[in-house]
PDB file of N, CA and C in Angstrom:
ATOM      1  N   MET A   1     -54.785 -52.973 -12.013  1.00  0.00           N
ATOM      2  CA  MET A   1     -53.624 -52.140 -11.838  1.00  0.00           C
ATOM      3  C   MET A   1     -52.624 -52.496 -12.911  1.00  0.00           C
ATOM      4  N   LYS A   2     -51.965 -51.488 -13.463  1.00  0.00           N
ATOM      5  CA  LYS A   2     -50.887 -51.725 -14.419  1.00  0.00           C
ATOM      6  C   LYS A   2     -49.819 -50.658 -14.221  1.00  0.00           C
ATOM      7  N   LEU A   3     -48.656 -50.892 -14.808  1.00  0.00           N
ATOM      8  CA  LEU A   3     -47.571 -49.917 -14.767  1.00  0.00           C
ATOM      9  C   LEU A   3     -47.511 -49.188 -16.093  1.00  0.00           C
ATOM     10  N   THR A   4     -47.309 -47.875 -16.039  1.00  0.00           N
ATOM     11  CA  THR A   4     -47.137 -47.096 -17.256  1.00  0.00           C
ATOM     12  C   THR A   4     -45.718 -47.298 -17.773  1.00  0.00           C
ATOM     13  N   GLU A   5     -45.411 -46.699 -18.919  1.00  0.00           N
ATOM     14  CA  GLU A   5     -44.059 -46.861 -19.472  1.00  0.00           C
ATOM     15  C   GLU A   5     -42.987 -46.232 -18.589  1.00  0.00           C
ATOM     16  N   SER A   6     -43.384 -45.296 -17.704  1.00  0.00           N
ATOM     17  CA  SER A   6     -42.430 -44.704 -16.756  1.00  0.00           C
ATOM     18  C   SER A   6     -42.516 -45.377 -15.385  1.00  0.00           C
ATOM     19  N   PHE A   7     -43.168 -46.542 -15.326  1.00  0.00           N
ATOM     20  CA  PHE A   7     -43.287 -47.372 -14.130  1.00  0.00           C
ATOM     21  C   PHE A   7     -44.127 -46.752 -13.016  1.00  0.00           C
ATOM     22  N   ALA A   8     -45.021 -45.834 -13.375  1.00  0.00           N
ATOM     23  CA  ALA A   8     -45.986 -45.320 -12.403  1.00  0.00           C
ATOM     24  C   ALA A   8     -47.174 -46.274 -12.364  1.00  0.00           C
ATOM     25  N   MET A   9     -47.809 -46.392 -11.191  1.00  0.00           N
ATOM     26  CA  MET A   9     -48.976 -47.270 -11.090  1.00  0.00           C
ATOM     27  C   MET A   9     -50.205 -46.575 -11.661  1.00  0.00           C
ATOM     28  N   TRP A  10     -51.006 -47.317 -12.404  1.00  0.00           N
ATOM     29  CA  TRP A  10     -52.245 -46.787 -12.962  1.00  0.00           C
ATOM     30  C   TRP A  10     -53.381 -47.692 -12.551  1.00  0.00           C
ATOM     31  N   PRO A  11     -54.481 -47.241 -12.018  1.00  0.00           N
ATOM     32  CA  PRO A  11     -54.795 -45.847 -11.687  1.00  0.00           C
ATOM     33  C   PRO A  11     -54.013 -45.354 -10.472  1.00  0.00           C
ATOM     34  N   GLY A  12     -53.917 -44.037 -10.373  1.00  0.00           N
ATOM     35  CA  GLY A  12     -53.076 -43.433  -9.348  1.00  0.00           C
ATOM     36  C   GLY A  12     -53.525 -43.674  -7.919  1.00  0.00           C
ATOM     37  N   ALA A  13     -54.774 -44.038  -7.697  1.00  0.00           N
ATOM     38  CA  ALA A  13     -55.275 -44.236  -6.337  1.00  0.00           C
ATOM     39  C   ALA A  13     -54.868 -45.578  -5.744  1.00  0.00           C
ATOM     40  N   ILE A  14     -54.219 -46.408  -6.522  1.00  0.00           N
ATOM     41  CA  ILE A  14     -53.808 -47.717  -6.017  1.00  0.00           C
ATOM     42  C   ILE A  14     -52.681 -47.523  -5.007  1.00  0.00           C
ATOM     43  N   GLY A  15     -52.779 -48.187  -3.891  1.00  0.00           N
ATOM     44  CA  GLY A  15     -51.766 -48.036  -2.838  1.00  0.00           C
ATOM     45  C   GLY A  15     -51.036 -49.332  -2.583  1.00  0.00           C
ATOM     46  N   SER A  16     -50.201 -49.711  -3.497  1.00  0.00           N
ATOM     47  CA  SER A  16     -49.429 -50.935  -3.285  1.00  0.00           C
ATOM     48  C   SER A  16     -47.952 -50.639  -3.491  1.00  0.00           C
ATOM     49  N   GLY A  17     -47.123 -51.509  -3.022  1.00  0.00           N
ATOM     50  CA  GLY A  17     -45.687 -51.321  -3.186  1.00  0.00           C
ATOM     51  C   GLY A  17     -44.926 -52.376  -2.425  1.00  0.00           C
ATOM     52  N   TRP A  18     -43.624 -52.278  -2.499  1.00  0.00           N
ATOM     53  CA  TRP A  18     -42.749 -53.174  -1.751  1.00  0.00           C
ATOM     54  C   TRP A  18     -42.420 -52.511  -0.434  1.00  0.00           C
ATOM     55  N   TYR A  19     -42.593 -53.225   0.638  1.00  0.00           N
ATOM     56  CA  TYR A  19     -42.293 -52.694   1.958  1.00  0.00           C
ATOM     57  C   TYR A  19     -41.248 -53.576   2.621  1.00  0.00           C
ATOM     58  N   PHE A  20     -40.222 -52.949   3.135  1.00  0.00           N
ATOM     59  CA  PHE A  20     -39.141 -53.662   3.806  1.00  0.00           C
ATOM     60  C   PHE A  20     -39.128 -53.234   5.266  1.00  0.00           C
ATOM     61  N   SER A  21     -38.799 -54.133   6.133  1.00  0.00           N
ATOM     62  CA  SER A  21     -38.737 -53.766   7.546  1.00  0.00           C
ATOM     63  C   SER A  21     -37.483 -54.349   8.185  1.00  0.00           C
ATOM     64  N   HIS A  22     -37.122 -53.757   9.283  1.00  0.00           N
ATOM     65  CA  HIS A  22     -35.984 -54.215  10.065  1.00  0.00           C
ATOM     66  C   HIS A  22     -36.296 -53.888  11.522  1.00  0.00           C
ATOM     67  N   PRO A  23     -35.967 -54.760  12.450  1.00  0.00           N
ATOM     68  CA  PRO A  23     -36.305 -54.505  13.852  1.00  0.00           C
ATOM     69  C   PRO A  23     -35.703 -53.214  14.411  1.00  0.00           C
ATOM     70  N   ASP A  24     -34.605 -52.753  13.867  1.00  0.00           N
ATOM     71  CA  ASP A  24     -33.975 -51.526  14.364  1.00  0.00           C
ATOM     72  C   ASP A  24     -34.383 -50.284  13.572  1.00  0.00           C
ATOM     73  N   SER A  25     -35.295 -50.430  12.611  1.00  0.00           N
ATOM     74  CA  SER A  25     -35.682 -49.281  11.794  1.00  0.00           C
ATOM     75  C   SER A  25     -36.563 -48.327  12.596  1.00  0.00           C
ATOM     76  N   LYS A  26     -36.510 -47.040  12.229  1.00  0.00           N
ATOM     77  CA  LYS A  26     -37.282 -46.010  12.909  1.00  0.00           C
ATOM     78  C   LYS A  26     -37.846 -45.054  11.875  1.00  0.00           C
ATOM     79  N   TYR A  27     -39.039 -44.544  12.132  1.00  0.00           N
ATOM     80  CA  TYR A  27     -39.627 -43.521  11.279  1.00  0.00           C
ATOM     81  C   TYR A  27     -38.974 -42.183  11.608  1.00  0.00           C
ATOM     82  N   PHE A  28     -38.940 -41.304  10.629  1.00  0.00           N
ATOM     83  CA  PHE A  28     -38.401 -39.974  10.872  1.00  0.00           C
ATOM     84  C   PHE A  28     -39.181 -38.970  10.039  1.00  0.00           C
ATOM     85  N   ALA A  29     -39.197 -37.743  10.494  1.00  0.00           N
ATOM     86  CA  ALA A  29     -39.870 -36.667   9.778  1.00  0.00           C
ATOM     87  C   ALA A  29     -38.823 -35.784   9.117  1.00  0.00           C
ATOM     88  N   VAL A  30     -39.187 -35.210   8.013  1.00  0.00           N
ATOM     89  CA  VAL A  30     -38.306 -34.281   7.318  1.00  0.00           C
ATOM     90  C   VAL A  30     -38.804 -32.876   7.624  1.00  0.00           C
ATOM     91  N   ALA A  31     -37.928 -32.049   8.160  1.00  0.00           N
ATOM     92  CA  ALA A  31     -38.296 -30.677   8.507  1.00  0.00           C
ATOM     93  C   ALA A  31     -38.366 -29.820   7.250  1.00  0.00           C
ATOM     94  N   GLN A  32     -38.788 -28.598   7.432  1.00  0.00           N
ATOM     95  CA  GLN A  32     -38.859 -27.698   6.290  1.00  0.00           C
ATOM     96  C   GLN A  32     -37.458 -27.351   5.798  1.00  0.00           C
ATOM     97  N   ILE A  33     -37.370 -27.048   4.512  1.00  0.00           N
ATOM     98  CA  ILE A  33     -36.104 -26.793   3.833  1.00  0.00           C
ATOM     99  C   ILE A  33     -35.729 -25.320   3.994  1.00  0.00           C
ATOM    100  N   GLN A  34     -34.473 -25.065   4.318  1.00  0.00           N
ATOM    101  CA  GLN A  34     -33.986 -23.701   4.485  1.00  0.00           C
ATOM    102  C   GLN A  34     -33.280 -23.224   3.214  1.00  0.00           C
ATOM    103  N   ARG A  35     -33.039 -21.916   3.149  1.00  0.00           N
ATOM    104  CA  ARG A  35     -32.480 -21.294   1.941  1.00  0.00           C
ATOM    105  C   ARG A  35     -31.131 -21.907   1.541  1.00  0.00           C
ATOM    106  N   ASP A  36     -30.257 -22.188   2.507  1.00  0.00           N
ATOM    107  CA  ASP A  36     -28.952 -22.751   2.157  1.00  0.00           C
ATOM    108  C   ASP A  36     -29.102 -24.131   1.515  1.00  0.00           C
ATOM    109  N   GLN A  37     -30.104 -24.904   1.951  1.00  0.00           N
ATOM    110  CA  GLN A  37     -30.341 -26.214   1.355  1.00  0.00           C
ATOM    111  C   GLN A  37     -30.872 -26.070  -0.067  1.00  0.00           C
ATOM    112  N   VAL A  38     -31.743 -25.086  -0.284  1.00  0.00           N
ATOM    113  CA  VAL A  38     -32.280 -24.833  -1.626  1.00  0.00           C
ATOM    114  C   VAL A  38     -31.155 -24.425  -2.570  1.00  0.00           C
ATOM    115  N   GLU A  39     -30.271 -23.540  -2.122  1.00  0.00           N
ATOM    116  CA  GLU A  39     -29.166 -23.088  -2.965  1.00  0.00           C
ATOM    117  C   GLU A  39     -28.224 -24.240  -3.307  1.00  0.00           C
ATOM    118  N   ASP A  40     -27.921 -25.090  -2.335  1.00  0.00           N
ATOM    119  CA  ASP A  40     -27.057 -26.242  -2.574  1.00  0.00           C
ATOM    120  C   ASP A  40     -27.710 -27.219  -3.548  1.00  0.00           C
ATOM    121  N   TYR A  41     -28.989 -27.498  -3.340  1.00  0.00           N
ATOM    122  CA  TYR A  41     -29.721 -28.426  -4.212  1.00  0.00           C
ATOM    123  C   TYR A  41     -29.795 -27.880  -5.636  1.00  0.00           C
ATOM    124  N   ALA A  42     -30.071 -26.577  -5.769  1.00  0.00           N
ATOM    125  CA  ALA A  42     -30.147 -25.951  -7.090  1.00  0.00           C
ATOM    126  C   ALA A  42     -28.818 -26.079  -7.826  1.00  0.00           C
ATOM    127  N   LEU A  43     -27.729 -25.853  -7.128  1.00  0.00           N
ATOM    128  CA  LEU A  43     -26.399 -25.966  -7.731  1.00  0.00           C
ATOM    129  C   LEU A  43     -26.148 -27.389  -8.225  1.00  0.00           C
ATOM    130  N   ARG A  44     -26.474 -28.374  -7.392  1.00  0.00           N
ATOM    131  CA  ARG A  44     -26.249 -29.776  -7.768  1.00  0.00           C
ATOM    132  C   ARG A  44     -27.149 -30.234  -8.906  1.00  0.00           C
ATOM    133  N   LYS A  45     -28.360 -29.660  -9.008  1.00  0.00           N
ATOM    134  CA  LYS A  45     -29.302 -30.068 -10.044  1.00  0.00           C
ATOM    135  C   LYS A  45     -29.188 -29.228 -11.314  1.00  0.00           C
ATOM    136  N   GLY A  46     -28.353 -28.178 -11.297  1.00  0.00           N
ATOM    137  CA  GLY A  46     -28.234 -27.309 -12.466  1.00  0.00           C
ATOM    138  C   GLY A  46     -29.477 -26.452 -12.674  1.00  0.00           C
ATOM    139  N   MET A  47     -30.110 -26.077 -11.576  1.00  0.00           N
ATOM    140  CA  MET A  47     -31.313 -25.255 -11.625  1.00  0.00           C
ATOM    141  C   MET A  47     -31.035 -23.941 -10.906  1.00  0.00           C
ATOM    142  N   THR A  48     -31.918 -22.971 -11.099  1.00  0.00           N
ATOM    143  CA  THR A  48     -31.803 -21.734 -10.335  1.00  0.00           C
ATOM    144  C   THR A  48     -32.517 -21.931  -8.996  1.00  0.00           C
ATOM    145  N   PRO A  49     -32.101 -21.182  -7.980  1.00  0.00           N
ATOM    146  CA  PRO A  49     -32.818 -21.277  -6.706  1.00  0.00           C
ATOM    147  C   PRO A  49     -34.312 -20.964  -6.851  1.00  0.00           C
ATOM    148  N   ALA A  50     -34.658 -20.039  -7.745  1.00  0.00           N
ATOM    149  CA  ALA A  50     -36.071 -19.699  -7.955  1.00  0.00           C
ATOM    150  C   ALA A  50     -36.859 -20.893  -8.491  1.00  0.00           C
ATOM    151  N   GLU A  51     -36.256 -21.669  -9.391  1.00  0.00           N
ATOM    152  CA  GLU A  51     -36.925 -22.869  -9.914  1.00  0.00           C
ATOM    153  C   GLU A  51     -37.160 -23.890  -8.801  1.00  0.00           C
ATOM    154  N   VAL A  52     -36.137 -24.089  -7.979  1.00  0.00           N
ATOM    155  CA  VAL A  52     -36.255 -25.048  -6.881  1.00  0.00           C
ATOM    156  C   VAL A  52     -37.318 -24.568  -5.891  1.00  0.00           C
ATOM    157  N   GLU A  53     -37.324 -23.276  -5.595  1.00  0.00           N
ATOM    158  CA  GLU A  53     -38.330 -22.738  -4.682  1.00  0.00           C
ATOM    159  C   GLU A  53     -39.734 -22.952  -5.223  1.00  0.00           C
ATOM    160  N   ARG A  54     -39.894 -22.820  -6.534  1.00  0.00           N
ATOM    161  CA  ARG A  54     -41.206 -23.034  -7.147  1.00  0.00           C
ATOM    162  C   ARG A  54     -41.665 -24.474  -6.956  1.00  0.00           C
ATOM    163  N   TRP A  55     -40.771 -25.424  -7.199  1.00  0.00           N
ATOM    164  CA  TRP A  55     -41.122 -26.840  -7.099  1.00  0.00           C
ATOM    165  C   TRP A  55     -41.294 -27.297  -5.658  1.00  0.00           C
ATOM    166  N   LEU A  56     -40.540 -26.711  -4.750  1.00  0.00           N
ATOM    167  CA  LEU A  56     -40.574 -27.157  -3.356  1.00  0.00           C
ATOM    168  C   LEU A  56     -41.286 -26.173  -2.429  1.00  0.00           C
ATOM    169  N   ALA A  57     -42.083 -25.281  -2.986  1.00  0.00           N
ATOM    170  CA  ALA A  57     -42.736 -24.221  -2.207  1.00  0.00           C
ATOM    171  C   ALA A  57     -43.444 -24.721  -0.947  1.00  0.00           C
ATOM    172  N   PRO A  58     -44.186 -25.827  -0.983  1.00  0.00           N
ATOM    173  CA  PRO A  58     -44.865 -26.268   0.242  1.00  0.00           C
ATOM    174  C   PRO A  58     -43.909 -26.709   1.351  1.00  0.00           C
ATOM    175  N   ASN A  59     -42.660 -26.973   0.994  1.00  0.00           N
ATOM    176  CA  ASN A  59     -41.703 -27.484   1.970  1.00  0.00           C
ATOM    177  C   ASN A  59     -40.688 -26.444   2.422  1.00  0.00           C
ATOM    178  N   LEU A  60     -40.842 -25.204   1.983  1.00  0.00           N
ATOM    179  CA  LEU A  60     -39.880 -24.167   2.344  1.00  0.00           C
ATOM    180  C   LEU A  60     -40.125 -23.676   3.763  1.00  0.00           C
ATOM    181  N   GLY A  61     -39.044 -23.475   4.494  1.00  0.00           N
ATOM    182  CA  GLY A  61     -39.122 -22.960   5.854  1.00  0.00           C
ATOM    183  C   GLY A  61     -38.878 -21.469   5.911  1.00  0.00           C
ATOM    184  N   TYR A  62     -39.051 -20.777   4.796  1.00  0.00           N
ATOM    185  CA  TYR A  62     -38.851 -19.335   4.727  1.00  0.00           C
ATOM    186  C   TYR A  62     -39.742 -18.784   3.626  1.00  0.00           C
ATOM    187  N   ASP A  63     -39.907 -17.472   3.584  1.00  0.00           N
ATOM    188  CA  ASP A  63     -40.716 -16.820   2.559  1.00  0.00           C
ATOM    189  C   ASP A  63     -39.837 -16.578   1.343  1.00  0.00           C
ATOM    190  N   ALA A  64     -40.180 -17.164   0.222  1.00  0.00           N
ATOM    191  CA  ALA A  64     -39.348 -17.083  -0.980  1.00  0.00           C
ATOM    192  C   ALA A  64     -39.488 -15.761  -1.726  1.00  0.00           C
ATOM    193  N   ASP A  65     -40.381 -14.890  -1.300  1.00  0.00           N
ATOM    194  CA  ASP A  65     -40.592 -13.622  -2.020  1.00  0.00           C
ATOM    195  C   ASP A  65     -39.484 -12.682  -1.877  1.00  0.00           C
TER     196      ASP A  65
END
């Protein structure tokens, strides 16, 4: 295993990392993203909503068409 110049692990199938725990920690799920969240994120990132929808298509909670 080695790190690339952008600090990605090579080969990609390696599953290692730093794991931190705390007795009060809890797992949580992220729900699908709604249009208002996409518009806000696009504004903050300097992107168009269409660009954000393209990148986040699997996580959209609405039909982007």
